Protein backbone atom coordinates (compact mmCIF):
# COMPACT_ATOMS: atom_id res chain seq x y z
CA MET A 1 -144.49 129.30 83.18
CA SER A 2 -141.87 130.28 80.64
CA LYS A 3 -141.62 133.64 78.90
CA THR A 4 -142.65 132.00 75.63
CA ASP A 5 -146.00 130.89 77.04
CA GLU A 6 -149.13 133.03 77.02
CA PRO A 7 -148.87 135.69 79.77
CA VAL A 8 -151.76 136.21 82.18
CA ILE A 9 -151.70 139.93 81.29
CA SER A 10 -150.33 141.62 78.18
CA VAL A 11 -150.29 145.36 77.51
CA GLU A 12 -149.33 146.59 74.06
CA ASN A 13 -148.74 150.18 72.92
CA LEU A 14 -151.30 151.53 75.37
CA PHE A 15 -152.19 155.23 75.52
CA PHE A 16 -154.65 156.79 77.98
CA SER A 17 -155.64 160.34 78.87
CA TYR A 18 -158.10 162.12 81.16
CA ASN A 19 -159.85 165.05 79.48
CA ARG A 20 -157.16 165.10 76.79
CA THR A 21 -154.38 165.24 79.39
CA PRO A 22 -151.96 162.34 78.76
CA VAL A 23 -151.64 159.97 81.71
CA LEU A 24 -150.02 156.90 80.14
CA GLU A 25 -148.06 156.79 76.88
CA ASP A 26 -146.92 153.87 74.75
CA VAL A 27 -147.06 151.30 77.56
CA THR A 28 -145.99 147.74 76.70
CA PHE A 29 -145.26 144.91 79.13
CA ARG A 30 -146.51 141.46 80.14
CA VAL A 31 -147.19 139.73 83.43
CA GLU A 32 -146.46 136.04 83.75
CA GLU A 33 -148.39 133.47 85.76
CA LYS A 34 -147.55 133.53 89.51
CA GLU A 35 -145.47 136.66 89.15
CA PHE A 36 -145.29 139.06 92.11
CA LEU A 37 -145.23 142.43 90.37
CA ALA A 38 -144.63 145.69 92.22
CA ILE A 39 -145.84 148.88 90.55
CA ILE A 40 -143.87 151.87 91.81
CA GLY A 41 -143.56 155.52 90.83
CA PRO A 42 -144.43 159.06 91.94
CA ASN A 43 -147.90 160.22 92.94
CA GLY A 44 -149.79 161.21 89.82
CA GLY A 45 -147.56 159.09 87.62
CA GLY A 46 -150.42 156.82 86.48
CA LYS A 47 -150.10 153.79 88.78
CA SER A 48 -153.75 153.56 89.86
CA THR A 49 -154.90 154.37 86.34
CA LEU A 50 -152.83 151.49 84.99
CA VAL A 51 -154.42 149.14 87.53
CA LYS A 52 -157.93 150.22 86.53
CA LEU A 53 -157.08 149.66 82.88
CA ILE A 54 -155.80 146.16 83.66
CA LEU A 55 -159.04 145.44 85.52
CA GLY A 56 -161.15 146.70 82.62
CA LEU A 57 -162.61 149.54 84.71
CA LEU A 58 -161.18 152.04 82.19
CA LYS A 59 -160.75 151.78 78.43
CA PRO A 60 -157.49 152.77 76.70
CA ASP A 61 -157.51 155.53 74.10
CA SER A 62 -155.48 153.20 71.91
CA GLY A 63 -153.46 150.04 72.27
CA LYS A 64 -154.50 146.70 73.68
CA ILE A 65 -154.83 144.96 77.04
CA ARG A 66 -155.49 141.24 77.35
CA ALA A 67 -156.01 139.13 80.45
CA PHE A 68 -155.80 135.40 79.83
CA GLY A 69 -155.99 136.24 76.14
CA LYS A 70 -159.27 138.16 76.43
CA ALA A 71 -160.49 141.68 77.14
CA PRO A 72 -160.23 142.22 80.93
CA GLU A 73 -163.95 142.80 81.41
CA LYS A 74 -164.61 139.36 79.92
CA VAL A 75 -162.60 137.65 82.68
CA SER A 76 -163.38 139.94 85.63
CA HIS A 77 -164.23 136.88 87.75
CA ARG A 78 -160.57 135.88 87.64
CA PHE A 79 -159.47 139.12 89.35
CA GLY A 80 -159.50 139.96 93.05
CA TYR A 81 -159.13 143.70 93.72
CA VAL A 82 -158.31 145.66 96.88
CA PRO A 83 -158.68 149.38 96.02
CA GLN A 84 -156.69 152.15 97.64
CA ASP A 85 -159.62 153.71 99.52
CA VAL A 86 -162.12 151.08 100.62
CA ALA A 87 -165.51 152.77 101.00
CA ILE A 88 -166.77 151.41 104.31
CA ASN A 89 -168.30 153.59 107.01
CA ARG A 90 -166.39 152.32 110.03
CA ALA A 91 -168.89 153.99 112.37
CA PHE A 92 -171.58 151.68 111.01
CA PRO A 93 -171.86 148.50 113.18
CA ILE A 94 -170.70 146.10 110.47
CA THR A 95 -168.85 142.90 111.33
CA VAL A 96 -165.79 141.33 109.76
CA MET A 97 -167.93 138.57 108.26
CA ASP A 98 -170.31 141.15 106.75
CA VAL A 99 -167.39 142.88 105.03
CA VAL A 100 -165.86 139.68 103.66
CA LEU A 101 -169.22 138.45 102.38
CA MET A 102 -169.40 141.54 100.16
CA GLY A 103 -166.87 139.80 97.95
CA ARG A 104 -169.53 137.21 97.10
CA LEU A 105 -172.16 139.70 95.93
CA ARG A 106 -171.65 139.07 92.22
CA HIS A 107 -172.05 135.32 92.81
CA ARG A 108 -175.24 135.69 94.85
CA LYS A 109 -178.37 134.53 93.03
CA ARG A 110 -180.77 134.92 95.93
CA ASN A 111 -181.69 137.71 98.32
CA ARG A 112 -179.59 136.21 101.10
CA PHE A 113 -176.09 134.80 101.33
CA THR A 114 -175.91 131.03 101.13
CA ALA A 115 -174.02 128.55 103.28
CA ARG A 116 -171.53 128.26 100.41
CA ASP A 117 -170.96 132.03 100.52
CA ARG A 118 -170.28 131.91 104.26
CA GLN A 119 -167.97 128.94 103.83
CA ALA A 120 -165.97 130.83 101.19
CA ALA A 121 -165.75 133.89 103.46
CA ALA A 122 -164.63 131.81 106.45
CA HIS A 123 -161.98 130.10 104.32
CA ALA A 124 -160.67 133.46 103.09
CA LEU A 125 -160.38 134.71 106.69
CA GLU A 126 -158.48 131.58 107.61
CA ILE A 127 -156.04 132.11 104.74
CA ILE A 128 -155.13 135.61 105.89
CA GLY A 129 -154.92 134.69 109.56
CA MET A 130 -158.16 136.30 110.73
CA ALA A 131 -160.20 133.21 111.63
CA GLY A 132 -162.06 133.86 114.88
CA TYR A 133 -162.66 137.54 114.09
CA GLU A 134 -165.91 136.96 112.19
CA LYS A 135 -168.13 138.70 114.75
CA ARG A 136 -165.77 141.55 115.57
CA LYS A 137 -166.80 145.04 114.47
CA ILE A 138 -164.63 146.36 111.64
CA ASP A 139 -163.96 149.56 113.60
CA ASP A 140 -162.47 147.55 116.48
CA LEU A 141 -159.59 146.30 114.34
CA SER A 142 -156.16 147.80 113.75
CA GLU A 143 -155.34 149.24 110.31
CA GLY A 144 -153.32 146.13 109.48
CA GLN A 145 -156.15 143.82 110.51
CA ARG A 146 -158.66 145.82 108.48
CA GLU A 147 -156.45 145.57 105.42
CA ARG A 148 -156.27 141.81 105.85
CA VAL A 149 -160.07 141.71 106.00
CA PHE A 150 -160.25 143.61 102.70
CA ILE A 151 -157.82 141.11 101.19
CA ALA A 152 -160.04 138.29 102.46
CA ARG A 153 -163.01 139.95 100.76
CA ALA A 154 -161.10 139.90 97.47
CA LEU A 155 -160.20 136.23 97.97
CA THR A 156 -163.75 134.92 98.45
CA THR A 157 -164.05 134.10 94.73
CA ASP A 158 -160.65 132.38 94.61
CA PRO A 159 -159.24 134.70 91.93
CA ASP A 160 -156.24 133.84 89.76
CA ILE A 161 -154.86 137.40 89.99
CA LEU A 162 -154.89 139.53 93.14
CA ILE A 163 -154.39 143.28 92.62
CA LEU A 164 -153.82 145.63 95.55
CA ASP A 165 -153.54 149.41 95.33
CA GLU A 166 -151.49 150.86 98.22
CA PRO A 167 -152.59 148.21 100.77
CA THR A 168 -150.08 149.34 103.42
CA ALA A 169 -150.56 153.11 103.20
CA SER A 170 -151.95 153.38 106.77
CA VAL A 171 -150.33 150.27 108.25
CA ASP A 172 -147.42 150.32 110.70
CA THR A 173 -144.10 148.62 109.97
CA GLY A 174 -144.98 145.38 111.75
CA GLY A 175 -148.33 145.18 109.99
CA ARG A 176 -146.66 145.78 106.63
CA THR A 177 -144.28 142.88 107.14
CA GLU A 178 -147.19 140.60 108.08
CA LEU A 179 -149.15 141.65 104.99
CA TYR A 180 -146.24 141.01 102.67
CA SER A 181 -145.68 137.60 104.26
CA ILE A 182 -149.33 136.75 103.58
CA LEU A 183 -148.99 137.93 99.98
CA ARG A 184 -145.82 135.86 99.54
CA ASP A 185 -147.75 132.75 100.59
CA LEU A 186 -150.64 133.63 98.27
CA ASN A 187 -148.13 134.07 95.46
CA LEU A 188 -147.50 130.32 95.52
CA THR A 189 -150.84 129.86 93.75
CA LYS A 190 -151.80 133.32 92.48
CA THR A 191 -150.36 136.17 90.45
CA ILE A 192 -149.91 139.23 92.68
CA ILE A 193 -149.83 142.84 91.49
CA ILE A 194 -149.26 145.51 94.13
CA VAL A 195 -149.02 149.28 93.92
CA SER A 196 -146.81 150.53 96.73
CA HIS A 197 -144.17 152.98 97.93
CA ASP A 198 -142.76 150.45 100.43
CA LEU A 199 -139.53 149.99 98.51
CA MET A 200 -137.51 148.86 101.51
CA VAL A 201 -139.91 146.11 102.65
CA MET A 202 -141.31 145.19 99.25
CA SER A 203 -137.96 144.42 97.63
CA SER A 204 -137.66 141.24 99.71
CA TYR A 205 -140.83 139.73 98.25
CA VAL A 206 -141.45 140.82 94.65
CA THR A 207 -140.21 139.07 91.51
CA ALA A 208 -140.70 141.93 89.03
CA VAL A 209 -140.99 145.71 89.10
CA ALA A 210 -142.83 148.19 86.87
CA CYS A 211 -141.78 151.84 87.28
CA VAL A 212 -144.69 154.06 86.21
CA ASN A 213 -144.33 157.75 85.41
CA ARG A 214 -146.48 158.28 82.31
CA ARG A 215 -144.37 155.63 80.61
CA VAL A 216 -143.71 152.21 82.11
CA HIS A 217 -140.26 150.72 82.61
CA TYR A 218 -140.67 147.01 83.32
CA HIS A 219 -138.00 144.83 84.94
CA ASP A 220 -138.48 141.07 85.29
CA GLU A 221 -136.40 140.83 88.46
CA GLY A 222 -137.35 141.68 92.03
CA GLU A 223 -134.27 143.77 92.72
CA ILE A 224 -135.05 147.48 92.87
CA THR A 225 -132.05 149.31 91.41
CA GLN A 226 -131.05 152.95 91.32
CA ASP A 227 -131.74 153.00 87.56
CA MET A 228 -135.34 151.95 88.18
CA ILE A 229 -135.84 154.67 90.76
CA ASP A 230 -134.27 157.28 88.48
CA MET A 231 -136.53 156.26 85.58
CA GLY A 232 -139.68 155.92 87.66
CA TYR A 233 -139.33 158.91 89.98
CA GLN A 234 -136.95 161.11 87.96
CA CYS A 235 -135.58 162.51 91.20
CA PRO A 236 -133.32 161.32 94.02
CA VAL A 237 -135.07 158.98 96.46
CA GLU A 238 -133.88 158.54 100.01
CA LEU A 239 -135.47 155.75 102.04
CA ILE A 240 -135.91 156.42 105.74
CA ALA A 241 -136.62 153.84 108.43
CA HIS A 242 -136.39 154.32 112.21
CA GLY A 243 -134.96 157.80 111.63
CA GLN A 244 -131.97 156.56 109.63
CA PRO A 245 -131.41 156.49 105.87
CA HIS A 246 -131.27 152.97 104.43
CA ARG A 247 -130.16 151.65 101.06
CA ILE A 248 -132.09 148.68 99.75
CA LEU A 249 -130.12 148.67 96.52
CA LYS A 250 -127.52 146.00 95.99
CA THR A 251 -123.97 147.13 95.39
CA HIS A 252 -123.16 146.92 91.68
CA GLU A 253 -119.76 146.74 90.11
CA GLY A 254 -118.47 150.23 89.57
CA GLY A 255 -121.26 151.66 91.76
CA PRO A 256 -121.20 153.11 95.27
């Protein structure tokens, strides 16, 4: 899809505040079809708020958001969403299949899930590499496996856009790499938007970056540069892995 075509998401001159406290100011950017957008920035900078506005869960004070040319709430069926804190009591004896089927609730017209619902759930588990885990208790899984189950739940309606808010926050390094590999494959057919601090791992997969710290600085390339970090975090950022500092930034002419 070219930049002259209709974007899947457009945000224009958006302002939003909580209790008169500004959270986002004059935000303008667009997301193209099959883009893999990373949203980065400091805690409290407005990342999760921006996601909820895109989903239509919040309303802007002013400005405009359109998804597929319409108000987001009008096309909510085209979104799949994995929130930051999934509210599931892991002590409750709920199975993987039970969790994934929750993604079909808005499509359910009867009191019980249909064979079509179960087929969609099984297909979603297959996509994310969790086929065969249907009867396992959710509490018996690793953090990375649980996150994949939550992604499967979001995929049961075959959304056009998949949005994930900090999906790797509690996942180890190996699990993070597996999750990003799954998202890269999904990106072949879906637009992916991910909120994350995993700059080192994420930079190998994304195609665009939005730095959010009240304002949004959008970059239509996957490379995470020092300028982006300076604008988004407004402080020096040192990336640590295996006890050693790492630079994920490419060397630029005239730079270090």
